[in-house]
Amino acid sequence: MKYLKISVVCFFIACSVLACFSGKAKRNEFIIADSKSYEASLFRQNCAICHGQEANGKEMDGRLIPSLRYGPAAQKSEEEIYLQIKEGKLPMPSFKNQLTEEEISKMVRFIRRDLQGIK
């Protein structure tokens, strides 16, 4: 009986620990719509129209616009993201005439830190 009680307690502890680490990844917890950050504002003004309000991607004119939170975007380096924003890559336009170098750098950090959860 003593071992049964210990086993039950251990089972519930293990389930509790597992529950803490399961569920959505941190990168998916950041809500752009709730953020008052400058970067979130830049995203809403320049990126949300194609990548979706929460950067989860969407379909436009029969084309799938990728998520910035996971998938291929999460595999890109900071330099690749920077160049993609600055120079564009069809079908994505260049933002070098709309955003400053500093704003582009802030967007890279925003994508990596807030959207993807990479520190």
N, C-alpha and C. Protein backbone atom coordinates (compact mmCIF):
# COMPACT_ATOMS: atom_id res chain seq x y z
N MET A 1 0.83 -1.20 0.00
CA MET A 1 0.00 0.00 0.00
C MET A 1 0.86 1.26 0.00
N LYS A 2 1.96 1.21 0.75
CA LYS A 2 2.86 2.35 0.84
C LYS A 2 3.45 2.66 -0.55
N TYR A 3 3.85 1.61 -1.29
CA TYR A 3 4.41 1.82 -2.63
C TYR A 3 3.38 2.34 -3.62
N LEU A 4 2.15 1.93 -3.43
CA LEU A 4 1.07 2.42 -4.30
C LEU A 4 0.87 3.92 -4.11
N LYS A 5 0.87 4.37 -2.86
CA LYS A 5 0.71 5.80 -2.57
C LYS A 5 1.88 6.59 -3.16
N ILE A 6 3.08 6.08 -2.98
CA ILE A 6 4.27 6.76 -3.51
C ILE A 6 4.19 6.81 -5.03
N SER A 7 3.77 5.72 -5.65
CA SER A 7 3.64 5.67 -7.11
C SER A 7 2.61 6.68 -7.61
N VAL A 8 1.49 6.77 -6.93
CA VAL A 8 0.44 7.72 -7.32
C VAL A 8 0.95 9.15 -7.19
N VAL A 9 1.61 9.47 -6.11
CA VAL A 9 2.15 10.81 -5.89
C VAL A 9 3.18 11.14 -6.98
N CYS A 10 4.07 10.19 -7.25
CA CYS A 10 5.09 10.40 -8.30
C CYS A 10 4.43 10.61 -9.66
N PHE A 11 3.39 9.86 -9.94
CA PHE A 11 2.67 10.00 -11.20
C PHE A 11 2.10 11.40 -11.35
N PHE A 12 1.47 11.91 -10.30
CA PHE A 12 0.87 13.25 -10.37
C PHE A 12 1.95 14.34 -10.46
N ILE A 13 3.05 14.14 -9.80
CA ILE A 13 4.16 15.10 -9.90
C ILE A 13 4.69 15.11 -11.33
N ALA A 14 4.88 13.92 -11.90
CA ALA A 14 5.38 13.83 -13.27
C ALA A 14 4.41 14.50 -14.24
N CYS A 15 3.12 14.27 -14.06
CA CYS A 15 2.12 14.89 -14.93
C CYS A 15 2.14 16.40 -14.80
N SER A 16 2.31 16.89 -13.59
CA SER A 16 2.36 18.34 -13.36
C SER A 16 3.57 18.96 -14.05
N VAL A 17 4.72 18.32 -13.92
CA VAL A 17 5.94 18.83 -14.54
C VAL A 17 5.78 18.81 -16.05
N LEU A 18 5.25 17.72 -16.59
CA LEU A 18 5.04 17.61 -18.03
C LEU A 18 4.09 18.69 -18.53
N ALA A 19 3.06 18.98 -17.78
CA ALA A 19 2.09 20.01 -18.17
C ALA A 19 2.74 21.38 -18.25
N CYS A 20 3.72 21.63 -17.41
CA CYS A 20 4.41 22.92 -17.44
C CYS A 20 5.22 23.11 -18.72
N PHE A 21 5.69 22.03 -19.29
CA PHE A 21 6.54 22.13 -20.47
C PHE A 21 5.83 21.81 -21.77
N SER A 22 4.58 21.43 -21.70
CA SER A 22 3.85 21.12 -22.93
C SER A 22 2.97 22.29 -23.32
N GLY A 23 2.26 22.15 -24.39
CA GLY A 23 1.39 23.23 -24.87
C GLY A 23 2.09 24.02 -25.94
N LYS A 24 1.59 25.20 -26.21
CA LYS A 24 2.15 26.02 -27.27
C LYS A 24 3.53 26.51 -26.88
N ALA A 25 4.36 26.65 -27.88
CA ALA A 25 5.70 27.17 -27.66
C ALA A 25 5.60 28.64 -27.31
N LYS A 26 6.62 29.14 -26.64
CA LYS A 26 6.62 30.53 -26.22
C LYS A 26 6.43 31.49 -27.40
N ARG A 27 7.02 31.15 -28.54
CA ARG A 27 6.93 32.05 -29.68
C ARG A 27 5.49 32.31 -30.11
N ASN A 28 4.59 31.37 -29.81
CA ASN A 28 3.20 31.53 -30.21
C ASN A 28 2.38 32.26 -29.16
N GLU A 29 2.95 32.55 -28.02
CA GLU A 29 2.22 33.22 -26.95
C GLU A 29 2.19 34.74 -27.12
N PHE A 30 3.14 35.31 -27.84
CA PHE A 30 3.20 36.75 -28.02
C PHE A 30 2.03 37.19 -28.91
N ILE A 31 1.25 38.12 -28.41
CA ILE A 31 0.08 38.60 -29.15
C ILE A 31 0.39 40.01 -29.67
N ILE A 32 0.54 40.11 -30.97
CA ILE A 32 0.89 41.38 -31.59
C ILE A 32 -0.18 42.43 -31.34
N ALA A 33 -1.43 42.04 -31.44
CA ALA A 33 -2.54 42.99 -31.27
C ALA A 33 -2.54 43.63 -29.88
N ASP A 34 -2.02 42.92 -28.88
CA ASP A 34 -2.00 43.45 -27.52
C ASP A 34 -0.75 44.27 -27.22
N SER A 35 0.24 44.21 -28.10
CA SER A 35 1.51 44.88 -27.84
C SER A 35 1.45 46.35 -28.21
N LYS A 36 2.04 47.17 -27.37
CA LYS A 36 2.13 48.60 -27.63
C LYS A 36 3.55 48.98 -28.07
N SER A 37 4.39 47.98 -28.34
CA SER A 37 5.77 48.26 -28.73
C SER A 37 5.84 48.92 -30.10
N TYR A 38 6.90 49.64 -30.31
CA TYR A 38 7.13 50.30 -31.60
C TYR A 38 7.22 49.26 -32.72
N GLU A 39 7.90 48.15 -32.42
CA GLU A 39 8.08 47.10 -33.41
C GLU A 39 6.73 46.47 -33.81
N ALA A 40 5.87 46.25 -32.84
CA ALA A 40 4.55 45.70 -33.14
C ALA A 40 3.76 46.68 -34.01
N SER A 41 3.91 47.96 -33.73
CA SER A 41 3.25 48.98 -34.54
C SER A 41 3.77 48.95 -35.98
N LEU A 42 5.09 48.83 -36.13
CA LEU A 42 5.68 48.72 -37.47
C LEU A 42 5.14 47.47 -38.19
N PHE A 43 5.04 46.38 -37.45
CA PHE A 43 4.52 45.15 -38.04
C PHE A 43 3.09 45.36 -38.53
N ARG A 44 2.26 45.93 -37.68
CA ARG A 44 0.86 46.15 -38.06
C ARG A 44 0.75 47.03 -39.31
N GLN A 45 1.62 48.05 -39.41
CA GLN A 45 1.57 48.99 -40.53
C GLN A 45 2.13 48.42 -41.82
N ASN A 46 3.15 47.57 -41.73
CA ASN A 46 3.87 47.15 -42.92
C ASN A 46 3.79 45.66 -43.27
N CYS A 47 3.55 44.81 -42.30
CA CYS A 47 3.68 43.37 -42.53
C CYS A 47 2.38 42.59 -42.41
N ALA A 48 1.49 43.06 -41.55
CA ALA A 48 0.26 42.31 -41.24
C ALA A 48 -0.62 42.10 -42.46
N ILE A 49 -0.61 43.02 -43.39
CA ILE A 49 -1.47 42.88 -44.56
C ILE A 49 -1.17 41.60 -45.32
N CYS A 50 0.08 41.17 -45.34
CA CYS A 50 0.44 39.94 -46.04
C CYS A 50 0.62 38.75 -45.10
N HIS A 51 1.32 38.97 -43.99
CA HIS A 51 1.65 37.86 -43.09
C HIS A 51 0.57 37.56 -42.06
N GLY A 52 -0.49 38.36 -42.03
CA GLY A 52 -1.58 38.15 -41.09
C GLY A 52 -1.39 38.96 -39.82
N GLN A 53 -2.49 39.24 -39.15
CA GLN A 53 -2.47 40.09 -37.96
C GLN A 53 -1.56 39.57 -36.85
N GLU A 54 -1.42 38.25 -36.76
CA GLU A 54 -0.57 37.66 -35.73
C GLU A 54 0.64 36.93 -36.32
N ALA A 55 0.97 37.24 -37.57
CA ALA A 55 2.16 36.71 -38.26
C ALA A 55 2.13 35.20 -38.45
N ASN A 56 0.93 34.64 -38.52
CA ASN A 56 0.80 33.20 -38.73
C ASN A 56 0.71 32.83 -40.20
N GLY A 57 0.84 33.80 -41.08
CA GLY A 57 0.73 33.56 -42.51
C GLY A 57 -0.72 33.55 -42.94
N LYS A 58 -0.94 33.61 -44.24
CA LYS A 58 -2.29 33.56 -44.77
C LYS A 58 -2.23 33.36 -46.28
N GLU A 59 -3.37 33.16 -46.87
CA GLU A 59 -3.44 33.01 -48.31
C GLU A 59 -3.90 34.32 -48.93
N MET A 60 -3.20 34.73 -49.98
CA MET A 60 -3.55 35.96 -50.71
C MET A 60 -3.48 35.66 -52.19
N ASP A 61 -4.56 35.89 -52.89
CA ASP A 61 -4.60 35.69 -54.34
C ASP A 61 -4.09 34.31 -54.74
N GLY A 62 -4.46 33.31 -53.97
CA GLY A 62 -4.06 31.95 -54.27
C GLY A 62 -2.64 31.58 -53.85
N ARG A 63 -1.93 32.53 -53.27
CA ARG A 63 -0.56 32.29 -52.80
C ARG A 63 -0.55 32.16 -51.29
N LEU A 64 0.25 31.25 -50.80
CA LEU A 64 0.40 31.09 -49.36
C LEU A 64 1.54 31.98 -48.88
N ILE A 65 1.19 32.98 -48.07
CA ILE A 65 2.19 33.87 -47.48
C ILE A 65 2.64 33.21 -46.19
N PRO A 66 3.95 33.01 -46.01
CA PRO A 66 4.42 32.21 -44.87
C PRO A 66 4.26 32.89 -43.51
N SER A 67 4.19 32.04 -42.51
CA SER A 67 4.22 32.49 -41.12
C SER A 67 5.61 33.02 -40.81
N LEU A 68 5.68 34.02 -39.95
CA LEU A 68 6.97 34.50 -39.47
C LEU A 68 7.33 33.85 -38.14
N ARG A 69 6.42 33.07 -37.58
CA ARG A 69 6.62 32.44 -36.28
C ARG A 69 7.29 31.07 -36.37
N TYR A 70 7.00 30.31 -37.40
CA TYR A 70 7.52 28.95 -37.52
C TYR A 70 7.70 28.61 -39.00
N GLY A 71 8.22 27.44 -39.28
CA GLY A 71 8.44 27.03 -40.66
C GLY A 71 9.72 27.62 -41.21
N PRO A 72 9.76 27.85 -42.52
CA PRO A 72 10.98 28.35 -43.16
C PRO A 72 11.51 29.65 -42.55
N ALA A 73 10.65 30.54 -42.14
CA ALA A 73 11.11 31.82 -41.55
C ALA A 73 11.91 31.58 -40.27
N ALA A 74 11.53 30.58 -39.51
CA ALA A 74 12.23 30.30 -38.25
C ALA A 74 13.59 29.65 -38.50
N GLN A 75 13.85 29.22 -39.72
CA GLN A 75 15.13 28.61 -40.06
C GLN A 75 16.14 29.63 -40.59
N LYS A 76 15.68 30.84 -40.85
CA LYS A 76 16.55 31.87 -41.42
C LYS A 76 17.40 32.54 -40.34
N SER A 77 18.59 32.95 -40.73
CA SER A 77 19.46 33.69 -39.82
C SER A 77 18.98 35.13 -39.72
N GLU A 78 19.50 35.86 -38.76
CA GLU A 78 19.14 37.27 -38.62
C GLU A 78 19.53 38.05 -39.87
N GLU A 79 20.69 37.72 -40.43
CA GLU A 79 21.15 38.41 -41.64
C GLU A 79 20.21 38.13 -42.81
N GLU A 80 19.76 36.89 -42.95
CA GLU A 80 18.82 36.55 -44.03
C GLU A 80 17.50 37.29 -43.87
N ILE A 81 17.01 37.38 -42.64
CA ILE A 81 15.76 38.11 -42.39
C ILE A 81 15.95 39.59 -42.71
N TYR A 82 17.08 40.15 -42.27
CA TYR A 82 17.38 41.55 -42.52
C TYR A 82 17.37 41.84 -44.02
N LEU A 83 18.07 41.01 -44.79
CA LEU A 83 18.14 41.22 -46.24
C LEU A 83 16.79 41.03 -46.91
N GLN A 84 16.00 40.09 -46.40
CA GLN A 84 14.66 39.86 -46.97
C GLN A 84 13.79 41.10 -46.78
N ILE A 85 13.86 41.70 -45.60
CA ILE A 85 13.07 42.92 -45.35
C ILE A 85 13.61 44.08 -46.19
N LYS A 86 14.91 44.26 -46.15
CA LYS A 86 15.51 45.41 -46.83
C LYS A 86 15.39 45.32 -48.35
N GLU A 87 15.82 44.21 -48.92
CA GLU A 87 15.87 44.08 -50.37
C GLU A 87 14.63 43.45 -50.99
N GLY A 88 13.87 42.72 -50.16
CA GLY A 88 12.72 42.01 -50.69
C GLY A 88 13.16 40.76 -51.44
N LYS A 89 12.22 39.92 -51.72
CA LYS A 89 12.46 38.71 -52.51
C LYS A 89 11.08 38.28 -52.97
N LEU A 90 10.87 38.34 -54.27
CA LEU A 90 9.53 38.10 -54.80
C LEU A 90 8.87 36.90 -54.18
N PRO A 91 7.64 37.05 -53.78
CA PRO A 91 6.74 38.19 -54.03
C PRO A 91 6.83 39.30 -52.99
N MET A 92 7.71 39.18 -52.00
CA MET A 92 7.80 40.22 -50.96
C MET A 92 8.54 41.44 -51.51
N PRO A 93 7.96 42.62 -51.30
CA PRO A 93 8.62 43.85 -51.77
C PRO A 93 9.77 44.26 -50.84
N SER A 94 10.59 45.14 -51.34
CA SER A 94 11.67 45.74 -50.56
C SER A 94 11.08 46.81 -49.65
N PHE A 95 11.64 46.93 -48.44
CA PHE A 95 11.19 47.97 -47.52
C PHE A 95 12.28 49.01 -47.25
N LYS A 96 13.34 49.00 -48.07
CA LYS A 96 14.44 49.93 -47.83
C LYS A 96 14.05 51.39 -48.01
N ASN A 97 12.98 51.65 -48.74
CA ASN A 97 12.53 53.02 -48.91
C ASN A 97 11.42 53.42 -47.93
N GLN A 98 10.89 52.44 -47.18
CA GLN A 98 9.85 52.73 -46.20
C GLN A 98 10.37 52.70 -44.77
N LEU A 99 11.37 51.87 -44.52
CA LEU A 99 11.91 51.71 -43.16
C LEU A 99 13.37 52.12 -43.12
N THR A 100 13.78 52.70 -42.00
CA THR A 100 15.19 53.05 -41.82
C THR A 100 15.98 51.78 -41.50
N GLU A 101 17.30 51.88 -41.57
CA GLU A 101 18.17 50.75 -41.20
C GLU A 101 17.87 50.31 -39.77
N GLU A 102 17.68 51.27 -38.89
CA GLU A 102 17.38 50.96 -37.49
C GLU A 102 16.04 50.25 -37.35
N GLU A 103 15.05 50.70 -38.09
CA GLU A 103 13.73 50.05 -38.02
C GLU A 103 13.79 48.62 -38.57
N ILE A 104 14.56 48.41 -39.62
CA ILE A 104 14.71 47.06 -40.15
C ILE A 104 15.39 46.16 -39.12
N SER A 105 16.41 46.67 -38.46
CA SER A 105 17.09 45.91 -37.40
C SER A 105 16.14 45.60 -36.25
N LYS A 106 15.31 46.55 -35.90
CA LYS A 106 14.32 46.32 -34.83
C LYS A 106 13.32 45.24 -35.25
N MET A 107 12.93 45.24 -36.51
CA MET A 107 11.99 44.23 -37.00
C MET A 107 12.62 42.84 -36.95
N VAL A 108 13.90 42.75 -37.27
CA VAL A 108 14.59 41.46 -37.20
C VAL A 108 14.56 40.94 -35.76
N ARG A 109 14.90 41.81 -34.81
CA ARG A 109 14.88 41.41 -33.38
C ARG A 109 13.46 41.05 -32.94
N PHE A 110 12.48 41.80 -33.41
CA PHE A 110 11.08 41.54 -33.08
C PHE A 110 10.66 40.15 -33.58
N ILE A 111 11.00 39.84 -34.81
CA ILE A 111 10.65 38.53 -35.38
C ILE A 111 11.33 37.42 -34.60
N ARG A 112 12.62 37.55 -34.37
CA ARG A 112 13.37 36.49 -33.68
C ARG A 112 12.96 36.37 -32.21
N ARG A 113 12.92 37.47 -31.49
CA ARG A 113 12.68 37.44 -30.05
C ARG A 113 11.21 37.24 -29.72
N ASP A 114 10.37 38.08 -30.26
CA ASP A 114 8.96 38.05 -29.85
C ASP A 114 8.13 37.01 -30.60
N LEU A 115 8.31 36.91 -31.90
CA LEU A 115 7.48 36.00 -32.68
C LEU A 115 7.98 34.57 -32.65
N GLN A 116 9.31 34.41 -32.69
CA GLN A 116 9.88 33.06 -32.73
C GLN A 116 10.38 32.58 -31.37
N GLY A 117 10.50 33.48 -30.42
CA GLY A 117 10.95 33.10 -29.08
C GLY A 117 12.42 32.76 -28.99
N ILE A 118 13.23 33.29 -29.92
CA ILE A 118 14.66 33.03 -29.92
C ILE A 118 15.37 34.22 -29.28
N LYS A 119 16.17 33.94 -28.31
CA LYS A 119 16.85 35.02 -27.59
C LYS A 119 18.16 35.37 -28.24
